[in-house]
Structures are given as C-alpha cells and as structure tokens.
Protein backbone atom coordinates (compact mmCIF):
# COMPACT_ATOMS: atom_id res chain seq x y z
CA MET A 1 14.22 6.46 -17.64
CA HIS A 2 16.73 4.54 -19.75
CA CYS A 3 19.55 4.87 -17.25
CA GLN A 4 17.31 4.02 -14.31
CA LEU A 5 15.75 0.90 -15.79
CA SER A 6 18.86 -0.49 -17.46
CA THR A 7 20.43 -1.60 -14.13
CA LEU A 8 17.29 -2.71 -12.37
CA THR A 9 16.24 -6.05 -13.77
CA LEU A 10 18.43 -8.36 -11.71
CA PRO A 11 18.16 -6.31 -8.46
CA LEU A 12 14.39 -6.25 -8.96
CA LEU A 13 14.09 -10.05 -9.40
CA ILE A 14 16.34 -10.62 -6.30
CA ALA A 15 14.32 -8.19 -4.25
CA TRP A 16 11.05 -9.71 -5.29
CA LEU A 17 12.26 -13.25 -4.50
CA LEU A 18 13.54 -12.06 -1.09
CA ASP A 19 10.13 -10.58 -0.32
CA LEU A 20 8.45 -13.78 -1.50
CA VAL A 21 10.57 -15.86 0.88
CA LEU A 22 11.17 -13.60 3.84
CA GLY A 23 8.47 -10.88 3.78
CA ASP A 24 9.43 -8.26 6.39
CA PRO A 25 11.29 -10.28 9.06
CA SER A 26 11.12 -8.64 12.48
CA TRP A 27 14.81 -9.26 13.12
CA LEU A 28 15.88 -7.11 10.17
CA PRO A 29 16.14 -3.33 10.66
CA HIS A 30 13.63 -1.69 8.25
CA PRO A 31 13.99 1.86 6.90
CA VAL A 32 10.24 2.41 7.36
CA VAL A 33 10.76 2.16 11.12
CA GLY A 34 13.28 4.97 10.80
CA PHE A 35 10.84 6.93 8.62
CA GLY A 36 8.20 6.48 11.32
CA LYS A 37 10.51 7.75 14.02
CA MET A 38 11.34 10.80 11.99
CA ILE A 39 7.65 11.58 11.31
CA ALA A 40 6.73 11.03 14.98
CA PHE A 41 9.46 13.38 16.17
CA GLY A 42 8.44 16.08 13.70
CA GLU A 43 4.79 15.72 14.56
CA ARG A 44 5.42 16.07 18.29
CA LYS A 45 7.52 19.17 17.75
CA LEU A 46 5.43 20.90 15.06
CA ASN A 47 1.81 19.82 15.42
CA ARG A 48 0.96 22.56 17.91
CA GLY A 49 0.01 26.25 17.98
CA SER A 50 -0.90 28.06 14.80
CA ARG A 51 -0.17 27.44 11.14
CA ARG A 52 -0.21 23.73 11.55
CA MET A 53 -1.05 23.05 7.88
CA THR A 54 2.02 25.00 6.78
CA LYS A 55 4.23 23.18 9.24
CA GLY A 56 2.90 19.80 8.17
CA ALA A 57 3.44 20.64 4.52
CA LEU A 58 7.05 21.77 5.17
CA MET A 59 7.78 18.68 7.24
CA SER A 60 6.32 16.33 4.62
CA ILE A 61 8.15 17.91 1.67
CA CYS A 62 11.43 18.11 3.57
CA LEU A 63 11.33 14.42 4.63
CA ILE A 64 10.42 13.19 1.09
CA THR A 65 13.26 15.31 -0.39
CA ILE A 66 15.79 14.15 2.16
CA VAL A 67 14.98 10.46 1.52
CA PHE A 68 15.21 10.93 -2.29
CA ALA A 69 18.52 12.84 -2.06
CA LEU A 70 20.19 10.44 0.37
CA THR A 71 19.10 7.38 -1.62
CA TRP A 72 20.38 9.01 -4.83
CA LEU A 73 23.76 9.78 -3.21
CA ILE A 74 24.06 6.16 -2.08
CA CYS A 75 22.87 4.50 -5.29
CA TYR A 76 24.39 6.82 -7.92
CA PRO A 77 27.94 5.43 -7.53
CA LEU A 78 26.48 1.94 -8.02
CA THR A 79 24.98 2.65 -11.44
CA SER A 80 27.89 1.03 -13.30
CA TYR A 81 28.96 -1.61 -10.75
CA LEU A 82 27.69 -3.53 -7.69
CA SER A 83 24.19 -2.99 -8.93
CA LEU A 84 23.02 -5.97 -6.90
CA VAL A 85 23.29 -3.83 -3.74
CA LYS A 86 20.27 -2.00 -5.14
CA ALA A 87 18.19 -5.14 -4.40
CA ILE A 88 18.29 -4.25 -0.68
CA PRO A 89 16.24 -0.98 -0.79
CA ILE A 90 13.98 -2.51 -3.43
CA PHE A 91 13.32 -5.46 -1.12
CA PHE A 92 12.56 -3.08 1.73
CA CYS A 93 10.00 -1.20 -0.40
CA LEU A 94 8.03 -4.25 -1.48
CA ALA A 95 5.41 -5.35 0.98
CA GLY A 96 3.42 -8.11 -0.64
CA THR A 97 4.23 -11.25 1.25
CA THR A 98 3.88 -9.92 4.85
CA LEU A 99 0.43 -8.59 4.33
CA ILE A 100 -0.71 -11.85 2.64
CA ARG A 101 0.62 -13.70 5.71
CA GLU A 102 -1.25 -11.39 8.02
CA VAL A 103 -4.51 -11.72 6.17
CA ARG A 104 -4.24 -15.54 6.25
CA GLU A 105 -3.70 -15.31 10.01
CA VAL A 106 -6.76 -13.09 10.36
CA PHE A 107 -9.00 -15.71 8.68
CA ASN A 108 -7.42 -18.43 10.74
CA ALA A 109 -7.78 -16.49 13.96
CA VAL A 110 -11.44 -15.51 13.39
CA ASP A 111 -12.19 -19.19 12.73
CA ARG A 112 -10.89 -19.99 16.20
CA SER A 113 -12.60 -17.15 18.05
CA LEU A 114 -14.07 -13.76 17.50
CA GLU A 115 -11.75 -12.06 20.04
CA GLU A 116 -8.67 -13.60 18.47
CA GLY A 117 -9.81 -12.40 15.06
CA ARG A 118 -10.31 -8.89 16.35
CA ARG A 119 -6.82 -8.81 17.86
CA GLN A 120 -5.28 -10.18 14.70
CA VAL A 121 -6.99 -7.85 12.24
CA ALA A 122 -6.03 -4.85 14.52
CA ARG A 123 -2.48 -5.51 13.41
CA ILE A 124 -3.19 -4.45 9.81
CA VAL A 125 -6.05 -1.90 9.98
CA GLY A 126 -6.36 1.57 11.56
CA ARG A 127 -10.03 1.28 12.50
CA ASP A 128 -11.45 0.28 15.89
CA THR A 129 -11.77 -3.52 15.88
CA SER A 130 -13.21 -4.10 19.39
CA GLU A 131 -16.80 -4.40 18.19
CA LEU A 132 -16.34 -5.99 14.72
CA SER A 133 -18.29 -9.05 13.81
CA ALA A 134 -16.61 -12.08 12.09
CA GLN A 135 -17.92 -10.86 8.71
CA GLU A 136 -16.62 -7.34 9.34
CA ILE A 137 -13.20 -8.74 10.35
CA ARG A 138 -12.92 -10.76 7.19
CA THR A 139 -14.09 -7.77 5.10
CA ALA A 140 -11.55 -5.47 6.75
CA ALA A 141 -8.74 -7.94 5.99
CA LEU A 142 -9.63 -8.26 2.33
CA GLU A 143 -10.10 -4.53 1.87
CA THR A 144 -6.63 -4.06 3.33
CA LEU A 145 -5.19 -6.76 1.05
CA ALA A 146 -6.55 -4.99 -2.01
CA GLU A 147 -5.38 -1.62 -0.93
CA ASN A 148 -1.93 -3.00 -0.02
CA LEU A 149 -1.51 -4.50 -3.46
CA SER A 150 -1.57 -0.96 -4.72
CA ASP A 151 0.34 0.79 -1.98
CA GLY A 152 2.77 -2.00 -1.10
CA VAL A 153 3.53 -3.45 -4.51
CA ILE A 154 2.30 -1.68 -7.61
CA ALA A 155 2.92 1.88 -6.55
CA PRO A 156 6.52 1.17 -5.39
CA LEU A 157 7.20 -0.61 -8.67
CA PHE A 158 5.66 2.25 -10.65
CA TRP A 159 7.91 4.80 -8.89
CA LEU A 160 10.90 2.49 -9.32
CA ALA A 161 10.26 2.65 -13.05
CA ILE A 162 9.82 6.42 -12.98
CA GLY A 163 12.53 7.48 -10.58
CA GLY A 164 14.72 4.51 -9.94
CA VAL A 165 15.58 3.42 -6.35
CA PRO A 166 15.49 6.99 -5.04
CA GLY A 167 11.93 7.39 -6.48
CA MET A 168 10.84 4.19 -4.86
CA MET A 169 12.27 5.14 -1.46
CA ALA A 170 10.74 8.63 -1.67
CA TYR A 171 7.36 7.02 -2.40
CA LYS A 172 7.83 4.81 0.73
CA MET A 173 8.22 7.99 2.78
CA VAL A 174 5.16 9.42 1.16
CA ASN A 175 3.13 6.36 2.04
CA THR A 176 4.48 6.31 5.58
CA LEU A 177 3.52 9.97 6.12
CA ASP A 178 0.00 9.24 4.94
CA SER A 179 -0.36 6.22 7.15
CA MET A 180 0.77 8.15 10.24
CA ILE A 181 -0.66 11.67 9.85
CA GLY A 182 -2.89 11.57 6.76
CA TYR A 183 -6.23 11.43 8.74
CA ARG A 184 -9.16 13.76 8.88
CA THR A 185 -9.31 13.62 12.66
CA GLU A 186 -9.13 16.68 14.89
CA ARG A 187 -5.44 16.05 15.57
CA TYR A 188 -4.29 15.51 12.01
CA LYS A 189 -6.79 17.26 9.70
CA ASP A 190 -4.55 20.37 9.30
CA PHE A 191 -1.08 19.06 10.06
CA GLY A 192 -1.46 15.92 7.87
CA CYS A 193 -3.42 17.60 5.07
CA TRP A 194 -0.50 17.93 2.70
CA ALA A 195 0.80 14.45 3.51
CA ALA A 196 -2.62 12.97 2.48
CA HIS A 197 -2.78 15.04 -0.73
CA ILE A 198 0.78 14.11 -1.73
CA ASP A 199 -0.12 10.49 -1.18
CA ASP A 200 -3.25 10.92 -3.30
CA VAL A 201 -1.17 12.25 -6.22
CA ALA A 202 1.53 9.60 -5.88
CA ASN A 203 -1.04 6.79 -5.87
CA TYR A 204 -3.41 8.16 -8.54
CA ILE A 205 -2.01 6.22 -11.49
CA PRO A 206 -0.81 3.13 -9.59
CA ALA A 207 -4.21 2.53 -7.97
CA ARG A 208 -5.91 2.45 -11.34
CA ILE A 209 -3.17 0.26 -12.82
CA THR A 210 -3.64 -2.08 -9.91
CA ALA A 211 -7.44 -2.40 -10.46
CA LEU A 212 -6.90 -2.96 -14.20
CA LEU A 213 -4.32 -5.68 -13.56
CA MET A 214 -6.62 -7.35 -11.01
CA VAL A 215 -9.55 -7.68 -13.39
CA ILE A 216 -7.21 -8.93 -16.11
CA ALA A 217 -5.65 -11.46 -13.70
CA ALA A 218 -9.09 -12.66 -12.79
CA GLY A 219 -10.06 -13.05 -16.41
CA LYS A 220 -12.98 -10.65 -15.87
CA PRO A 221 -12.30 -7.50 -18.11
CA LYS A 222 -16.07 -6.81 -18.08
CA LEU A 223 -15.69 -5.73 -14.42
CA ALA A 224 -14.00 -2.55 -15.66
CA GLY A 225 -17.30 -0.68 -15.61
CA PHE A 226 -18.11 -1.96 -12.10
CA VAL A 227 -14.73 -0.84 -10.89
CA TRP A 228 -15.13 2.63 -12.39
CA ARG A 229 -18.57 3.17 -10.89
CA ASN A 230 -17.76 1.80 -7.43
CA GLY A 231 -14.17 2.98 -7.15
CA ARG A 232 -15.30 6.60 -7.19
CA LYS A 233 -17.58 6.01 -4.18
CA HIS A 234 -14.63 5.73 -1.74
CA ALA A 235 -13.57 8.73 0.33
CA SER A 236 -10.07 8.21 -0.94
CA PRO A 237 -9.50 9.06 -4.65
CA ASN A 238 -7.42 5.94 -5.01
CA SER A 239 -8.22 3.18 -2.50
CA GLY A 240 -11.63 2.52 -3.87
CA TYR A 241 -10.36 1.20 -7.19
CA PRO A 242 -8.42 -1.90 -6.04
CA GLU A 243 -11.13 -2.49 -3.37
CA ALA A 244 -13.85 -2.26 -6.10
CA ALA A 245 -11.86 -4.64 -8.31
CA LEU A 246 -11.62 -7.25 -5.51
CA ALA A 247 -15.30 -6.77 -4.57
CA GLY A 248 -16.30 -7.36 -8.16
CA ILE A 249 -14.04 -10.41 -8.49
CA LEU A 250 -15.40 -11.94 -5.35
CA ASN A 251 -18.97 -10.72 -5.93
CA CYS A 252 -19.14 -9.28 -2.40
CA ARG A 253 -19.61 -5.96 -0.62
CA PHE A 254 -16.97 -3.80 1.01
CA GLY A 255 -17.07 -0.43 2.85
CA GLY A 256 -19.64 0.88 5.30
CA PRO A 257 -19.32 2.92 8.54
CA HIS A 258 -16.12 2.40 10.70
CA TYR A 259 -14.58 4.02 13.77
CA TYR A 260 -11.08 5.54 13.47
CA PHE A 261 -9.46 6.96 16.57
CA GLY A 262 -12.82 7.11 18.26
CA GLU A 263 -14.55 9.04 15.38
CA LEU A 264 -17.23 7.46 13.17
CA PHE A 265 -16.60 7.60 9.37
CA ASP A 266 -19.56 6.71 7.25
CA LYS A 267 -17.88 5.09 4.25
CA PRO A 268 -20.16 4.19 1.24
CA PHE A 269 -20.59 0.57 0.35
CA ILE A 270 -18.63 -0.83 -2.63
CA GLY A 271 -20.56 -3.63 -4.29
CA GLU A 272 -24.08 -4.84 -3.48
CA ASN A 273 -23.86 -8.54 -2.57
CA ASN A 274 -23.56 -8.64 1.22
CA ARG A 275 -22.81 -12.35 1.38
CA LEU A 276 -20.67 -14.08 3.97
CA LEU A 277 -16.95 -14.09 3.17
CA THR A 278 -15.11 -17.42 3.51
CA THR A 279 -11.51 -18.75 3.57
CA ALA A 280 -11.97 -19.66 -0.12
CA ASP A 281 -12.51 -15.93 -0.88
CA MET A 282 -9.25 -15.14 0.93
CA ARG A 283 -7.34 -17.74 -1.02
CA LYS A 284 -8.76 -16.44 -4.30
CA ALA A 285 -7.81 -12.89 -3.36
CA VAL A 286 -4.25 -14.05 -2.55
CA ARG A 287 -3.98 -15.78 -5.98
CA ILE A 288 -5.08 -12.55 -7.65
CA ASN A 289 -2.47 -10.58 -5.67
CA ARG A 290 0.31 -12.93 -6.58
CA THR A 291 -0.70 -12.98 -10.27
CA VAL A 292 -0.74 -9.21 -10.40
CA GLU A 293 2.68 -9.03 -8.77
CA VAL A 294 4.17 -11.38 -11.37
CA VAL A 295 2.60 -9.46 -14.25
CA ALA A 296 3.89 -6.12 -12.89
CA ILE A 297 7.43 -7.51 -12.52
CA ILE A 298 7.31 -8.88 -16.13
CA LEU A 299 6.00 -5.53 -17.44
CA ILE A 300 8.84 -3.63 -15.88
CA ILE A 301 11.42 -6.10 -17.21
CA VAL A 302 9.90 -5.82 -20.68
CA LEU A 303 10.00 -2.02 -20.41
CA GLN A 304 13.74 -2.29 -19.35
CA ILE A 305 14.54 -4.44 -22.34
CA THR A 306 12.64 -2.13 -24.61
CA VAL A 307 14.42 1.01 -23.62
CA SER A 308 17.86 -0.53 -23.27
C-alpha cells in the first residue's frame, strides 16, 4: 500500500477538483462507455444455450482482470515520474458531481410537471418510471443519490487506497458489470449471477464506511442503530446501508415495490415516516454527499502521509 499511496495525493486532488467542476462531460470519451460495449458484446455472444452461469462468471472475471492488468501496465512506468497523468483515470472513476446534478434536475423537473419528472428520473434509475407519483420520483432520486455516494465515490476511493489506480479501474468494471447484467430477471439471473456477487463483495466494506461517514457528517451518530436495523432489510447486502443512513438523516421512508424490466420486485421499506419529500431534503442530501466526499479525500491523504 505504501508504494500505491505515496504517489496518489496530488493526482487524487486534481481528479476530485475536475469532477467537482466538470462532472462527466458528454463530449469527453469515458472508459465506462468502452466497458459497457465490451460487456454488451460478451453478453450477446455468451448469454445463450446451456451453462450460462459459467459463461457469465468467466466473462466477468476475464474483463475485470484485463482492466486491472492494462491499467497496471500503463500506470506502472509512471510511478516515479509524470504521476499527474494518473489524475485522468481517477477522474473518470469518480462520479459524484454528475449524479448530484441529475438529482437536482429531477426535483426541478417534477416541480414543473409529473411527466417531465418521470422522464428525468428515468435517466438515473433502472426501474419503470412511467407510473411513478411525484413522491415516488423524489424518493427514487434520493435513494439513487445515497447509493451512488457509495458506488460512485467511496468505493472507488477505497479501491484506490487498496490497489492503486489499477484497483480503482477494476472496481469500475465490477460496478459496470453489475449495473448491466447483475439483475435477477429471467434474462440475467444465471448469466449475471457472478457479476452481482463480485459487486457485493467489492462494495461490502465501502457501503458500510459510506453509511458511517454519512451519519457523522450529519452530526447524528445515534443513527447508527437505525442504519444497522434498516440497512439489512434491503435485498442488496450493501445498498441498504447508505439508503438507511439518508432515510434516518432526513427522517423519511425509502424502498417499497418497484418494477424492473417489467417484473415487480417487492422491496421492504427503509424507515417509517412516509412524509412528503421536498427540495429542501434534496439540498440537505447533497450537502451530506459533499461533506462525505471531502472527509473521504482527507482520510486517504492522511493515510498517504502516515505510510509515507
């Protein structure tokens, strides 16, 4: 870990500032787009016939290994010089600002009209949005914001600390695999099984770190018990924890039944106060996200200084 962290402080700060200012600009080629094309190609070729689980496992493991190896081959020569180049892949792996912007747009859109809100929230969630109420639209946006804080910020930073830039990029492939094929639908339940389980393992610690940092950032450490009780209700072993943290902070209720790819999934509720969500709640959630980002960056820099 010493050699990984010792050259990451400046690239990390540059990458975070770039994400803060730019987000994920549509004009800039993004490696996740390439990851998605690789996964889609493999899924079309392999998700047929017999032994789909084995095929999906092999594809997932191969893609993750390839991304790690290629990134290592590119970054290894830069360990002693030109370390600022490492800011580029780190920037690509951080996804805090874009989701915050999207969530703000969801709240603005649903204030204008229900149909516009449904169209806007469909950009950031996988569920069917055609019948969502205004409350359900706002709830979906905030659930996604909480989950993305873990998947899009804390988990990448965690794997950056553990495995350097190659570890961070490999995690991004893990997360992309899960978002594309890690569903329990008829089409993906076998082929995407391993992708989902690998993602569960990769996010196990980061999700809980995220929830802990959220309650600390909110100044409500007593919510830890609430998070522990409610986080375990979620079908995912990880997503429930940051969602429970935000539900506790906002004193609201998340979860409930939703349609994914035409199939109904009866998710348990997280929290008990089924009150109406407002723009003020969104702004508070965004402040929590930003505070947690800053704290996580500081922790990694302190760790770098400690081990140097």
